[in-house]
Protein backbone atom coordinates (compact mmCIF):
# COMPACT_ATOMS: atom_id res chain seq x y z
CA MET A 1 68.10 124.90 89.53
CA GLN A 2 66.57 123.60 92.77
CA ILE A 3 64.49 125.59 95.25
CA GLN A 4 64.44 124.47 98.82
CA LEU A 5 61.00 124.63 100.55
CA SER A 6 60.18 123.94 104.13
CA PRO A 7 57.74 121.08 104.75
CA ALA A 8 55.13 123.60 105.47
CA GLU A 9 55.76 125.55 102.21
CA HIS A 10 55.81 122.36 100.20
CA ALA A 11 52.48 121.23 101.78
CA ARG A 12 50.94 124.57 100.87
CA LEU A 13 52.26 124.37 97.29
CA ALA A 14 50.99 120.83 97.00
CA ALA A 15 47.51 121.81 98.20
CA VAL A 16 47.14 124.80 95.90
CA ALA A 17 48.51 122.70 92.92
CA ALA A 18 46.00 119.96 93.72
CA ARG A 19 43.12 122.36 93.62
CA SER A 20 44.17 123.53 90.11
CA GLY A 21 44.68 119.91 88.95
CA ARG A 22 48.47 120.23 88.53
CA THR A 23 51.49 118.68 90.25
CA PRO A 24 53.48 120.86 92.63
CA GLU A 25 56.23 120.98 89.95
CA GLN A 26 53.90 122.00 87.14
CA PHE A 27 52.22 124.74 89.28
CA ALA A 28 55.66 126.10 90.36
CA THR A 29 56.89 126.12 86.83
CA GLU A 30 53.90 128.00 85.69
CA LEU A 31 54.29 130.56 88.48
CA LEU A 32 57.85 131.17 87.60
CA GLU A 33 57.07 131.58 83.90
CA ALA A 34 54.39 134.06 84.74
CA ALA A 35 56.57 136.01 87.01
CA LEU A 36 59.42 136.15 84.49
CA ARG A 37 57.16 137.32 81.49
CA PRO A 38 57.73 140.84 80.48
CA VAL A 39 54.91 143.23 81.65
CA ASP A 40 53.72 146.09 79.50
CA PRO A 41 54.79 149.40 81.19
CA ALA A 42 51.42 151.01 80.51
CA PHE A 43 49.66 148.09 82.12
CA ARG A 44 52.00 148.19 85.14
CA ALA A 45 51.38 151.95 85.56
CA ALA A 46 47.61 151.42 85.45
CA VAL A 47 47.70 148.76 88.06
CA GLN A 48 49.94 150.97 90.33
CA GLU A 49 47.46 153.76 89.89
CA GLY A 50 44.61 151.61 90.83
CA LEU A 51 46.34 150.28 93.94
CA ALA A 52 47.07 153.92 95.00
CA GLN A 53 43.44 154.77 94.46
CA ALA A 54 42.37 151.85 96.60
CA ARG A 55 44.83 152.82 99.36
CA ARG A 56 43.21 156.29 99.38
CA GLY A 57 39.82 154.68 99.65
CA GLU A 58 38.65 155.78 96.17
CA PHE A 59 36.35 153.06 94.97
CA ILE A 60 33.47 152.97 92.56
CA ASP A 61 30.21 151.31 93.35
CA GLU A 62 28.97 148.10 91.69
CA GLU A 63 26.51 149.84 89.32
CA GLU A 64 29.42 152.04 87.90
CA MET A 65 31.60 149.02 87.57
CA GLU A 66 28.89 147.11 85.60
CA ARG A 67 28.37 150.22 83.36
CA ARG A 68 32.11 150.41 82.58
CA ILE A 69 32.34 146.69 81.89
CA GLN A 70 29.29 146.88 79.50
CA GLU A 71 30.88 149.87 77.82
CA MET A 72 34.22 147.87 77.22
CA LEU A 73 32.28 144.93 75.82
CA LYS A 74 30.60 146.99 73.10
């Protein structure tokens, strides 16, 4: 399969790939593999809930985030 990119799109892909130390082909292949990988439904639901909370302006402060991270690492 071939994907047609405009010159501008190819330049952007090449720039991002170069920053990650990959060729545009390697970078594009990795992106496609990640996009096609199955996602756990529970994880997907948790992400969607987090996005909904963010849209409603429901955030926690940095101290609370640090506390939660430390709790997860125990």
